[in-house]
């Protein structure tokens, strides 16, 4: 193999590696990871007694901006009373975009 072929192979390999890295870094976070991040944030405020996350990303429009998000819920026990919260986690960054307290349906 001469130096031209070697240079061509090295260039092709570098281009392939760069392309793969770029495409893999644009993948959204997994819903399980989004739930783990949300639970950790809620645990800073007190104990968490239950949680769930919807596995399919949704589109949320907030303040005129569109986000791809995972929707989930957390149950916390505060003074022997269960309090439920709904949250939205950005599927690209893992940041909690919105939370709200919800009422239990019994």
PDB file of N, CA and C in Angstrom:
ATOM      1  N   UNK A   1       0.854  -1.165   0.000  1.00  0.00           N
ATOM      2  CA  UNK A   1       0.000   0.000   0.000  1.00  0.00           C
ATOM      3  C   UNK A   1       0.907   1.238   0.000  1.00  0.00           C
ATOM      4  N   UNK A   2       0.672   2.143  -0.921  1.00  0.00           N
ATOM      5  CA  UNK A   2       1.499   3.345  -0.992  1.00  0.00           C
ATOM      6  C   UNK A   2       0.930   4.436  -0.093  1.00  0.00           C
ATOM      7  N   UNK A   3       1.617   5.555  -0.037  1.00  0.00           N
ATOM      8  CA  UNK A   3       1.235   6.622   0.880  1.00  0.00           C
ATOM      9  C   UNK A   3      -0.087   7.283   0.490  1.00  0.00           C
ATOM     10  N   UNK A   4      -0.441   7.288  -0.801  1.00  0.00           N
ATOM     11  CA  UNK A   4      -1.702   7.890  -1.234  1.00  0.00           C
ATOM     12  C   UNK A   4      -2.892   7.080  -0.728  1.00  0.00           C
ATOM     13  N   UNK A   5      -2.769   5.761  -0.827  1.00  0.00           N
ATOM     14  CA  UNK A   5      -3.845   4.903  -0.328  1.00  0.00           C
ATOM     15  C   UNK A   5      -3.974   5.022   1.194  1.00  0.00           C
ATOM     16  N   UNK A   6      -2.828   5.085   1.865  1.00  0.00           N
ATOM     17  CA  UNK A   6      -2.846   5.226   3.325  1.00  0.00           C
ATOM     18  C   UNK A   6      -3.503   6.538   3.743  1.00  0.00           C
ATOM     19  N   UNK A   7      -3.150   7.619   3.060  1.00  0.00           N
ATOM     20  CA  UNK A   7      -3.734   8.924   3.376  1.00  0.00           C
ATOM     21  C   UNK A   7      -5.235   8.925   3.119  1.00  0.00           C
ATOM     22  N   UNK A   8      -5.653   8.269   2.034  1.00  0.00           N
ATOM     23  CA  UNK A   8      -7.074   8.190   1.716  1.00  0.00           C
ATOM     24  C   UNK A   8      -7.836   7.405   2.785  1.00  0.00           C
ATOM     25  N   UNK A   9      -7.278   6.293   3.240  1.00  0.00           N
ATOM     26  CA  UNK A   9      -7.922   5.488   4.281  1.00  0.00           C
ATOM     27  C   UNK A   9      -8.008   6.245   5.605  1.00  0.00           C
ATOM     28  N   UNK A  10      -6.939   6.935   5.968  1.00  0.00           N
ATOM     29  CA  UNK A  10      -6.947   7.705   7.212  1.00  0.00           C
ATOM     30  C   UNK A  10      -7.991   8.820   7.135  1.00  0.00           C
ATOM     31  N   UNK A  11      -8.064   9.499   6.006  1.00  0.00           N
ATOM     32  CA  UNK A  11      -9.051  10.571   5.825  1.00  0.00           C
ATOM     33  C   UNK A  11     -10.472  10.032   5.891  1.00  0.00           C
ATOM     34  N   UNK A  12     -10.713   8.905   5.231  1.00  0.00           N
ATOM     35  CA  UNK A  12     -12.048   8.306   5.249  1.00  0.00           C
ATOM     36  C   UNK A  12     -12.430   7.882   6.666  1.00  0.00           C
ATOM     37  N   UNK A  13     -11.487   7.311   7.403  1.00  0.00           N
ATOM     38  CA  UNK A  13     -11.751   6.909   8.783  1.00  0.00           C
ATOM     39  C   UNK A  13     -12.055   8.092   9.680  1.00  0.00           C
ATOM     40  N   UNK A  14     -11.308   9.177   9.510  1.00  0.00           N
ATOM     41  CA  UNK A  14     -11.544  10.380  10.309  1.00  0.00           C
ATOM     42  C   UNK A  14     -12.911  10.976  10.002  1.00  0.00           C
ATOM     43  N   UNK A  15     -13.280  11.013   8.736  1.00  0.00           N
ATOM     44  CA  UNK A  15     -14.584  11.542   8.347  1.00  0.00           C
ATOM     45  C   UNK A  15     -15.714  10.683   8.911  1.00  0.00           C
ATOM     46  N   UNK A  16     -15.560   9.365   8.839  1.00  0.00           N
ATOM     47  CA  UNK A  16     -16.566   8.457   9.383  1.00  0.00           C
ATOM     48  C   UNK A  16     -16.696   8.640  10.899  1.00  0.00           C
ATOM     49  N   UNK A  17     -15.578   8.736  11.595  1.00  0.00           N
ATOM     50  CA  UNK A  17     -15.606   8.936  13.041  1.00  0.00           C
ATOM     51  C   UNK A  17     -16.275  10.240  13.434  1.00  0.00           C
ATOM     52  N   UNK A  18     -15.961  11.309  12.719  1.00  0.00           N
ATOM     53  CA  UNK A  18     -16.576  12.607  12.996  1.00  0.00           C
ATOM     54  C   UNK A  18     -18.079  12.559  12.753  1.00  0.00           C
ATOM     55  N   UNK A  19     -18.496  11.923  11.661  1.00  0.00           N
ATOM     56  CA  UNK A  19     -19.917  11.824  11.332  1.00  0.00           C
ATOM     57  C   UNK A  19     -20.672  11.027  12.394  1.00  0.00           C
ATOM     58  N   UNK A  20     -20.108   9.904  12.823  1.00  0.00           N
ATOM     59  CA  UNK A  20     -20.754   9.095  13.863  1.00  0.00           C
ATOM     60  C   UNK A  20     -20.861   9.857  15.180  1.00  0.00           C
ATOM     61  N   UNK A  21     -19.797  10.526  15.577  1.00  0.00           N
ATOM     62  CA  UNK A  21     -19.825  11.276  16.832  1.00  0.00           C
ATOM     63  C   UNK A  21     -20.882  12.374  16.779  1.00  0.00           C
ATOM     64  N   UNK A  22     -20.957  13.084  15.680  1.00  0.00           N
ATOM     65  CA  UNK A  22     -21.927  14.165  15.540  1.00  0.00           C
ATOM     66  C   UNK A  22     -23.356  13.642  15.606  1.00  0.00           C
ATOM     67  N   UNK A  23     -23.624  12.536  14.936  1.00  0.00           N
ATOM     68  CA  UNK A  23     -24.992  12.009  14.931  1.00  0.00           C
ATOM     69  C   UNK A  23     -25.369  11.409  16.278  1.00  0.00           C
ATOM     70  N   UNK A  24     -24.429  10.793  16.975  1.00  0.00           N
ATOM     71  CA  UNK A  24     -24.737  10.187  18.267  1.00  0.00           C
ATOM     72  C   UNK A  24     -24.947  11.225  19.362  1.00  0.00           C
ATOM     73  N   UNK A  25     -24.283  12.354  19.289  1.00  0.00           N
ATOM     74  CA  UNK A  25     -24.452  13.361  20.335  1.00  0.00           C
ATOM     75  C   UNK A  25     -25.770  14.105  20.207  1.00  0.00           C
ATOM     76  N   UNK A  26     -26.460  13.983  19.093  1.00  0.00           N
ATOM     77  CA  UNK A  26     -27.741  14.656  18.909  1.00  0.00           C
ATOM     78  C   UNK A  26     -28.922  13.806  19.359  1.00  0.00           C
ATOM     79  N   UNK A  27     -28.678  12.594  19.844  1.00  0.00           N
ATOM     80  CA  UNK A  27     -29.761  11.732  20.285  1.00  0.00           C
ATOM     81  C   UNK A  27     -30.365  12.271  21.579  1.00  0.00           C
ATOM     82  N   UNK A  28     -31.684  12.159  21.739  1.00  0.00           N
ATOM     83  CA  UNK A  28     -32.296  12.602  22.999  1.00  0.00           C
ATOM     84  C   UNK A  28     -31.909  11.658  24.132  1.00  0.00           C
ATOM     85  N   UNK A  29     -32.041  12.155  25.354  1.00  0.00           N
ATOM     86  CA  UNK A  29     -31.750  11.299  26.502  1.00  0.00           C
ATOM     87  C   UNK A  29     -32.831  10.229  26.610  1.00  0.00           C
ATOM     88  N   UNK A  30     -32.518   9.146  27.280  1.00  0.00           N
ATOM     89  CA  UNK A  30     -33.494   8.072  27.469  1.00  0.00           C
ATOM     90  C   UNK A  30     -34.521   8.502  28.518  1.00  0.00           C
ATOM     91  N   UNK A  31     -35.773   8.038  28.391  1.00  0.00           N
ATOM     92  CA  UNK A  31     -36.794   8.428  29.374  1.00  0.00           C
ATOM     93  C   UNK A  31     -36.438   7.986  30.795  1.00  0.00           C
ATOM     94  N   UNK A  32     -35.777   6.841  30.924  1.00  0.00           N
ATOM     95  CA  UNK A  32     -35.377   6.371  32.254  1.00  0.00           C
ATOM     96  C   UNK A  32     -34.404   7.355  32.899  1.00  0.00           C
ATOM     97  N   UNK A  33     -33.507   7.896  32.083  1.00  0.00           N
ATOM     98  CA  UNK A  33     -32.547   8.875  32.600  1.00  0.00           C
ATOM     99  C   UNK A  33     -33.259  10.177  32.976  1.00  0.00           C
ATOM    100  N   UNK A  34     -34.234  10.575  32.178  1.00  0.00           N
ATOM    101  CA  UNK A  34     -35.015  11.778  32.486  1.00  0.00           C
ATOM    102  C   UNK A  34     -35.734  11.614  33.824  1.00  0.00           C
ATOM    103  N   UNK A  35     -36.302  10.430  34.068  1.00  0.00           N
ATOM    104  CA  UNK A  35     -36.986  10.168  35.339  1.00  0.00           C
ATOM    105  C   UNK A  35     -35.997  10.210  36.500  1.00  0.00           C
ATOM    106  N   UNK A  36     -34.824   9.634  36.295  1.00  0.00           N
ATOM    107  CA  UNK A  36     -33.802   9.640  37.341  1.00  0.00           C
ATOM    108  C   UNK A  36     -33.397  11.072  37.702  1.00  0.00           C
ATOM    109  N   UNK A  37     -33.239  11.927  36.689  1.00  0.00           N
ATOM    110  CA  UNK A  37     -32.888  13.333  36.936  1.00  0.00           C
ATOM    111  C   UNK A  37     -33.997  14.052  37.707  1.00  0.00           C
ATOM    112  N   UNK A  38     -35.249  13.825  37.307  1.00  0.00           N
ATOM    113  CA  UNK A  38     -36.376  14.477  37.979  1.00  0.00           C
ATOM    114  C   UNK A  38     -36.498  13.999  39.428  1.00  0.00           C
ATOM    115  N   UNK A  39     -36.354  12.690  39.647  1.00  0.00           N
ATOM    116  CA  UNK A  39     -36.446  12.164  41.009  1.00  0.00           C
ATOM    117  C   UNK A  39     -35.356  12.753  41.895  1.00  0.00           C
ATOM    118  N   UNK A  40     -34.152  12.869  41.352  1.00  0.00           N
ATOM    119  CA  UNK A  40     -33.051  13.433  42.135  1.00  0.00           C
ATOM    120  C   UNK A  40     -33.356  14.873  42.540  1.00  0.00           C
ATOM    121  N   UNK A  41     -33.932  15.624  41.632  1.00  0.00           N
ATOM    122  CA  UNK A  41     -34.267  17.028  41.925  1.00  0.00           C
ATOM    123  C   UNK A  41     -35.370  17.113  42.986  1.00  0.00           C
ATOM    124  N   UNK A  42     -36.400  16.267  42.868  1.00  0.00           N
ATOM    125  CA  UNK A  42     -37.482  16.282  43.857  1.00  0.00           C
ATOM    126  C   UNK A  42     -36.996  15.777  45.215  1.00  0.00           C
ATOM    127  N   UNK A  43     -36.043  14.835  45.222  1.00  0.00           N
ATOM    128  CA  UNK A  43     -35.522  14.312  46.489  1.00  0.00           C
ATOM    129  C   UNK A  43     -34.766  15.377  47.271  1.00  0.00           C
ATOM    130  N   UNK A  44     -34.275  16.408  46.577  1.00  0.00           N
ATOM    131  CA  UNK A  44     -33.623  17.513  47.282  1.00  0.00           C
ATOM    132  C   UNK A  44     -34.617  18.248  48.179  1.00  0.00           C
ATOM    133  N   UNK A  45     -35.904  18.150  47.861  1.00  0.00           N
ATOM    134  CA  UNK A  45     -36.950  18.837  48.620  1.00  0.00           C
ATOM    135  C   UNK A  45     -37.623  17.930  49.643  1.00  0.00           C
ATOM    136  N   UNK A  46     -37.341  16.636  49.610  1.00  0.00           N
ATOM    137  CA  UNK A  46     -37.956  15.692  50.534  1.00  0.00           C
ATOM    138  C   UNK A  46     -38.060  14.318  49.896  1.00  0.00           C
ATOM    139  N   UNK A  47     -38.638  13.371  50.633  1.00  0.00           N
ATOM    140  CA  UNK A  47     -38.701  11.993  50.144  1.00  0.00           C
ATOM    141  C   UNK A  47     -39.705  11.843  49.002  1.00  0.00           C
ATOM    142  N   UNK A  48     -39.386  10.901  48.111  1.00  0.00           N
ATOM    143  CA  UNK A  48     -40.246  10.570  46.973  1.00  0.00           C
ATOM    144  C   UNK A  48     -40.801   9.178  47.223  1.00  0.00           C
ATOM    145  N   UNK A  49     -42.133   9.028  47.156  1.00  0.00           N
ATOM    146  CA  UNK A  49     -42.734   7.722  47.423  1.00  0.00           C
ATOM    147  C   UNK A  49     -43.204   7.009  46.160  1.00  0.00           C
ATOM    148  N   UNK A  50     -43.209   7.688  45.019  1.00  0.00           N
ATOM    149  CA  UNK A  50     -43.610   7.045  43.768  1.00  0.00           C
ATOM    150  C   UNK A  50     -43.257   7.920  42.583  1.00  0.00           C
ATOM    151  N   UNK A  51     -43.134   7.281  41.411  1.00  0.00           N
ATOM    152  CA  UNK A  51     -42.809   8.056  40.210  1.00  0.00           C
ATOM    153  C   UNK A  51     -43.189   7.264  38.971  1.00  0.00           C
ATOM    154  N   UNK A  52     -43.365   7.984  37.867  1.00  0.00           N
ATOM    155  CA  UNK A  52     -43.652   7.364  36.575  1.00  0.00           C
ATOM    156  C   UNK A  52     -43.198   8.325  35.480  1.00  0.00           C
ATOM    157  N   UNK A  53     -43.006   7.778  34.277  1.00  0.00           N
ATOM    158  CA  UNK A  53     -42.679   8.613  33.123  1.00  0.00           C
ATOM    159  C   UNK A  53     -43.291   7.988  31.882  1.00  0.00           C
ATOM    160  N   UNK A  54     -43.802   8.827  31.002  1.00  0.00           N
ATOM    161  CA  UNK A  54     -44.340   8.379  29.725  1.00  0.00           C
ATOM    162  C   UNK A  54     -43.155   8.209  28.787  1.00  0.00           C
ATOM    163  N   UNK A  55     -43.021   7.028  28.185  1.00  0.00           N
ATOM    164  CA  UNK A  55     -41.818   6.672  27.435  1.00  0.00           C
ATOM    165  C   UNK A  55     -41.703   7.336  26.063  1.00  0.00           C
ATOM    166  N   UNK A  56     -42.780   7.914  25.567  1.00  0.00           N
ATOM    167  CA  UNK A  56     -42.765   8.513  24.230  1.00  0.00           C
ATOM    168  C   UNK A  56     -42.632  10.032  24.353  1.00  0.00           C
ATOM    169  N   UNK A  57     -41.667  10.645  23.663  1.00  0.00           N
ATOM    170  CA  UNK A  57     -41.524  12.100  23.740  1.00  0.00           C
ATOM    171  C   UNK A  57     -42.748  12.824  23.177  1.00  0.00           C
ATOM    172  N   UNK A  58     -43.043  13.990  23.748  1.00  0.00           N
ATOM    173  CA  UNK A  58     -44.151  14.831  23.310  1.00  0.00           C
ATOM    174  C   UNK A  58     -43.609  16.211  22.954  1.00  0.00           C
ATOM    175  N   UNK A  59     -44.420  17.000  22.271  1.00  0.00           N
ATOM    176  CA  UNK A  59     -44.062  18.389  21.999  1.00  0.00           C
ATOM    177  C   UNK A  59     -44.814  19.280  22.976  1.00  0.00           C
ATOM    178  N   UNK A  60     -44.092  20.167  23.635  1.00  0.00           N
ATOM    179  CA  UNK A  60     -44.670  21.110  24.590  1.00  0.00           C
ATOM    180  C   UNK A  60     -44.334  22.517  24.116  1.00  0.00           C
ATOM    181  N   UNK A  61     -45.350  23.371  24.030  1.00  0.00           N
ATOM    182  CA  UNK A  61     -45.129  24.774  23.688  1.00  0.00           C
ATOM    183  C   UNK A  61     -45.274  25.590  24.962  1.00  0.00           C
ATOM    184  N   UNK A  62     -44.220  26.295  25.312  1.00  0.00           N
ATOM    185  CA  UNK A  62     -44.193  27.067  26.546  1.00  0.00           C
ATOM    186  C   UNK A  62     -43.555  28.420  26.252  1.00  0.00           C
ATOM    187  N   UNK A  63     -44.290  29.488  26.500  1.00  0.00           N
ATOM    188  CA  UNK A  63     -43.811  30.854  26.248  1.00  0.00           C
ATOM    189  C   UNK A  63     -43.395  31.046  24.790  1.00  0.00           C
ATOM    190  N   UNK A  64     -44.141  30.429  23.884  1.00  0.00           N
ATOM    191  CA  UNK A  64     -43.873  30.578  22.456  1.00  0.00           C
ATOM    192  C   UNK A  64     -42.733  29.731  21.922  1.00  0.00           C
ATOM    193  N   UNK A  65     -42.150  28.876  22.752  1.00  0.00           N
ATOM    194  CA  UNK A  65     -41.056  28.003  22.325  1.00  0.00           C
ATOM    195  C   UNK A  65     -41.519  26.558  22.337  1.00  0.00           C
ATOM    196  N   UNK A  66     -41.103  25.788  21.347  1.00  0.00           N
ATOM    197  CA  UNK A  66     -41.442  24.367  21.271  1.00  0.00           C
ATOM    198  C   UNK A  66     -40.309  23.535  21.857  1.00  0.00           C
ATOM    199  N   UNK A  67     -40.672  22.583  22.692  1.00  0.00           N
ATOM    200  CA  UNK A  67     -39.717  21.673  23.308  1.00  0.00           C
ATOM    201  C   UNK A  67     -40.152  20.241  23.035  1.00  0.00           C
ATOM    202  N   UNK A  68     -39.196  19.350  22.864  1.00  0.00           N
ATOM    203  CA  UNK A  68     -39.464  17.919  22.863  1.00  0.00           C
ATOM    204  C   UNK A  68     -39.222  17.459  24.292  1.00  0.00           C
ATOM    205  N   UNK A  69     -40.265  16.907  24.924  1.00  0.00           N
ATOM    206  CA  UNK A  69     -40.201  16.616  26.356  1.00  0.00           C
ATOM    207  C   UNK A  69     -40.695  15.208  26.660  1.00  0.00           C
ATOM    208  N   UNK A  70     -40.306  14.744  27.848  1.00  0.00           N
ATOM    209  CA  UNK A  70     -40.912  13.564  28.454  1.00  0.00           C
ATOM    210  C   UNK A  70     -41.810  14.075  29.573  1.00  0.00           C
ATOM    211  N   UNK A  71     -43.005  13.493  29.686  1.00  0.00           N
ATOM    212  CA  UNK A  71     -43.952  13.859  30.744  1.00  0.00           C
ATOM    213  C   UNK A  71     -43.923  12.771  31.802  1.00  0.00           C
ATOM    214  N   UNK A  72     -43.917  13.182  33.051  1.00  0.00           N
ATOM    215  CA  UNK A  72     -43.884  12.208  34.130  1.00  0.00           C
ATOM    216  C   UNK A  72     -44.548  12.746  35.377  1.00  0.00           C
ATOM    217  N   UNK A  73     -44.508  11.932  36.424  1.00  0.00           N
ATOM    218  CA  UNK A  73     -45.118  12.327  37.683  1.00  0.00           C
ATOM    219  C   UNK A  73     -44.331  11.817  38.871  1.00  0.00           C
ATOM    220  N   UNK A  74     -44.453  12.534  39.961  1.00  0.00           N
ATOM    221  CA  UNK A  74     -43.776  12.206  41.217  1.00  0.00           C
ATOM    222  C   UNK A  74     -44.815  12.281  42.325  1.00  0.00           C
ATOM    223  N   UNK A  75     -44.755  11.347  43.260  1.00  0.00           N
ATOM    224  CA  UNK A  75     -45.577  11.410  44.467  1.00  0.00           C
ATOM    225  C   UNK A  75     -44.641  11.577  45.650  1.00  0.00           C
ATOM    226  N   UNK A  76     -44.921  12.600  46.437  1.00  0.00           N
ATOM    227  CA  UNK A  76     -44.147  12.853  47.651  1.00  0.00           C
ATOM    228  C   UNK A  76     -45.075  12.755  48.843  1.00  0.00           C
ATOM    229  N   UNK A  77     -44.555  12.254  49.953  1.00  0.00           N
ATOM    230  CA  UNK A  77     -45.322  12.207  51.192  1.00  0.00           C
ATOM    231  C   UNK A  77     -44.874  13.366  52.070  1.00  0.00           C
ATOM    232  N   UNK A  78     -45.810  14.294  52.305  1.00  0.00           N
ATOM    233  CA  UNK A  78     -45.525  15.473  53.119  1.00  0.00           C
ATOM    234  C   UNK A  78     -46.528  15.494  54.265  1.00  0.00           C
ATOM    235  N   UNK A  79     -46.035  15.417  55.495  1.00  0.00           N
ATOM    236  CA  UNK A  79     -46.897  15.393  56.689  1.00  0.00           C
ATOM    237  C   UNK A  79     -47.954  14.298  56.581  1.00  0.00           C
ATOM    238  N   UNK A  80     -47.545  13.093  56.230  1.00  0.00           N
ATOM    239  CA  UNK A  80     -48.416  11.922  56.089  1.00  0.00           C
ATOM    240  C   UNK A  80     -49.496  12.096  55.030  1.00  0.00           C
ATOM    241  N   UNK A  81     -49.307  13.010  54.093  1.00  0.00           N
ATOM    242  CA  UNK A  81     -50.245  13.225  52.993  1.00  0.00           C
ATOM    243  C   UNK A  81     -49.491  13.091  51.678  1.00  0.00           C
ATOM    244  N   UNK A  82     -50.058  12.296  50.769  1.00  0.00           N
ATOM    245  CA  UNK A  82     -49.440  12.155  49.453  1.00  0.00           C
ATOM    246  C   UNK A  82     -49.734  13.388  48.606  1.00  0.00           C
ATOM    247  N   UNK A  83     -48.690  13.966  48.046  1.00  0.00           N
ATOM    248  CA  UNK A  83     -48.810  15.111  47.154  1.00  0.00           C
ATOM    249  C   UNK A  83     -48.232  14.706  45.808  1.00  0.00           C
ATOM    250  N   UNK A  84     -49.007  14.927  44.744  1.00  0.00           N
ATOM    251  CA  UNK A  84     -48.580  14.504  43.409  1.00  0.00           C
ATOM    252  C   UNK A  84     -48.192  15.705  42.563  1.00  0.00           C
ATOM    253  N   UNK A  85     -47.149  15.503  41.752  1.00  0.00           N
ATOM    254  CA  UNK A  85     -46.655  16.543  40.859  1.00  0.00           C
ATOM    255  C   UNK A  85     -46.509  15.960  39.460  1.00  0.00           C
ATOM    256  N   UNK A  86     -46.790  16.775  38.468  1.00  0.00           N
ATOM    257  CA  UNK A  86     -46.524  16.415  37.083  1.00  0.00           C
ATOM    258  C   UNK A  86     -45.336  17.263  36.636  1.00  0.00           C
ATOM    259  N   UNK A  87     -44.446  16.668  35.834  1.00  0.00           N
ATOM    260  CA  UNK A  87     -43.282  17.418  35.371  1.00  0.00           C
ATOM    261  C   UNK A  87     -43.036  17.141  33.895  1.00  0.00           C
ATOM    262  N   UNK A  88     -42.301  18.056  33.264  1.00  0.00           N
ATOM    263  CA  UNK A  88     -41.872  17.914  31.878  1.00  0.00           C
ATOM    264  C   UNK A  88     -40.359  18.096  31.843  1.00  0.00           C
ATOM    265  N   UNK A  89     -39.661  17.107  31.273  1.00  0.00           N
ATOM    266  CA  UNK A  89     -38.204  17.139  31.169  1.00  0.00           C
ATOM    267  C   UNK A  89     -37.823  17.278  29.701  1.00  0.00           C
ATOM    268  N   UNK A  90     -36.943  18.230  29.393  1.00  0.00           N
ATOM    269  CA  UNK A  90     -36.455  18.429  28.028  1.00  0.00           C
ATOM    270  C   UNK A  90     -35.727  17.162  27.583  1.00  0.00           C
ATOM    271  N   UNK A  91     -36.160  16.571  26.472  1.00  0.00           N
ATOM    272  CA  UNK A  91     -35.586  15.314  25.991  1.00  0.00           C
ATOM    273  C   UNK A  91     -34.174  15.496  25.451  1.00  0.00           C
ATOM    274  N   UNK A  92     -33.776  16.719  25.130  1.00  0.00           N
ATOM    275  CA  UNK A  92     -32.435  16.956  24.598  1.00  0.00           C
ATOM    276  C   UNK A  92     -31.419  17.262  25.689  1.00  0.00           C
ATOM    277  N   UNK A  93     -31.822  18.020  26.707  1.00  0.00           N
ATOM    278  CA  UNK A  93     -30.867  18.464  27.725  1.00  0.00           C
ATOM    279  C   UNK A  93     -31.047  17.796  29.081  1.00  0.00           C
ATOM    280  N   UNK A  94     -32.233  17.260  29.370  1.00  0.00           N
ATOM    281  CA  UNK A  94     -32.505  16.676  30.676  1.00  0.00           C
ATOM    282  C   UNK A  94     -32.945  17.692  31.715  1.00  0.00           C
ATOM    283  N   UNK A  95     -33.131  18.941  31.312  1.00  0.00           N
ATOM    284  CA  UNK A  95     -33.571  19.988  32.242  1.00  0.00           C
ATOM    285  C   UNK A  95     -35.071  19.875  32.500  1.00  0.00           C
ATOM    286  N   UNK A  96     -35.465  20.111  33.746  1.00  0.00           N
ATOM    287  CA  UNK A  96     -36.888  20.154  34.066  1.00  0.00           C
ATOM    288  C   UNK A  96     -37.423  21.493  33.578  1.00  0.00           C
ATOM    289  N   UNK A  97     -38.395  21.438  32.681  1.00  0.00           N
ATOM    290  CA  UNK A  97     -38.941  22.652  32.078  1.00  0.00           C
ATOM    291  C   UNK A  97     -40.115  23.187  32.880  1.00  0.00           C
ATOM    292  N   UNK A  98     -40.950  22.282  33.389  1.00  0.00           N
ATOM    293  CA  UNK A  98     -42.157  22.723  34.084  1.00  0.00           C
ATOM    294  C   UNK A  98     -42.572  21.674  35.104  1.00  0.00           C
ATOM    295  N   UNK A  99     -43.107  22.139  36.221  1.00  0.00           N
ATOM    296  CA  UNK A  99     -43.707  21.250  37.220  1.00  0.00           C
ATOM    297  C   UNK A  99     -45.002  21.887  37.703  1.00  0.00           C
ATOM    298  N   UNK A 100     -45.927  21.031  38.122  1.00  0.00           N
ATOM    299  CA  UNK A 100     -47.146  21.550  38.746  1.00  0.00           C
ATOM    300  C   UNK A 100     -47.713  20.486  39.670  1.00  0.00           C
ATOM    301  N   UNK A 101     -48.319  20.953  40.749  1.00  0.00           N
ATOM    302  CA  UNK A 101     -48.970  20.046  41.678  1.00  0.00           C
ATOM    303  C   UNK A 101     -50.303  19.633  41.078  1.00  0.00           C
ATOM    304  N   UNK A 102     -50.625  18.351  41.175  1.00  0.00           N
ATOM    305  CA  UNK A 102     -51.875  17.842  40.618  1.00  0.00           C
ATOM    306  C   UNK A 102     -52.716  17.237  41.730  1.00  0.00           C
ATOM    307  N   UNK A 103     -53.978  17.029  41.433  1.00  0.00           N
ATOM    308  CA  UNK A 103     -54.899  16.418  42.378  1.00  0.00           C
ATOM    309  C   UNK A 103     -55.054  14.940  42.036  1.00  0.00           C
ATOM    310  N   UNK A 104     -55.087  14.105  43.050  1.00  0.00           N
ATOM    311  CA  UNK A 104     -55.275  12.674  42.850  1.00  0.00           C
ATOM    312  C   UNK A 104     -56.708  12.394  42.424  1.00  0.00           C
ATOM    313  N   UNK A 105     -56.856  11.495  41.466  1.00  0.00           N
ATOM    314  CA  UNK A 105     -58.188  11.071  41.024  1.00  0.00           C
ATOM    315  C   UNK A 105     -58.498   9.756  41.718  1.00  0.00           C
ATOM    316  N   UNK A 106     -59.529   9.764  42.541  1.00  0.00           N
ATOM    317  CA  UNK A 106     -59.878   8.553  43.297  1.00  0.00           C
ATOM    318  C   UNK A 106     -61.266   8.112  42.922  1.00  0.00           C
TER     319      UNK A 106
END
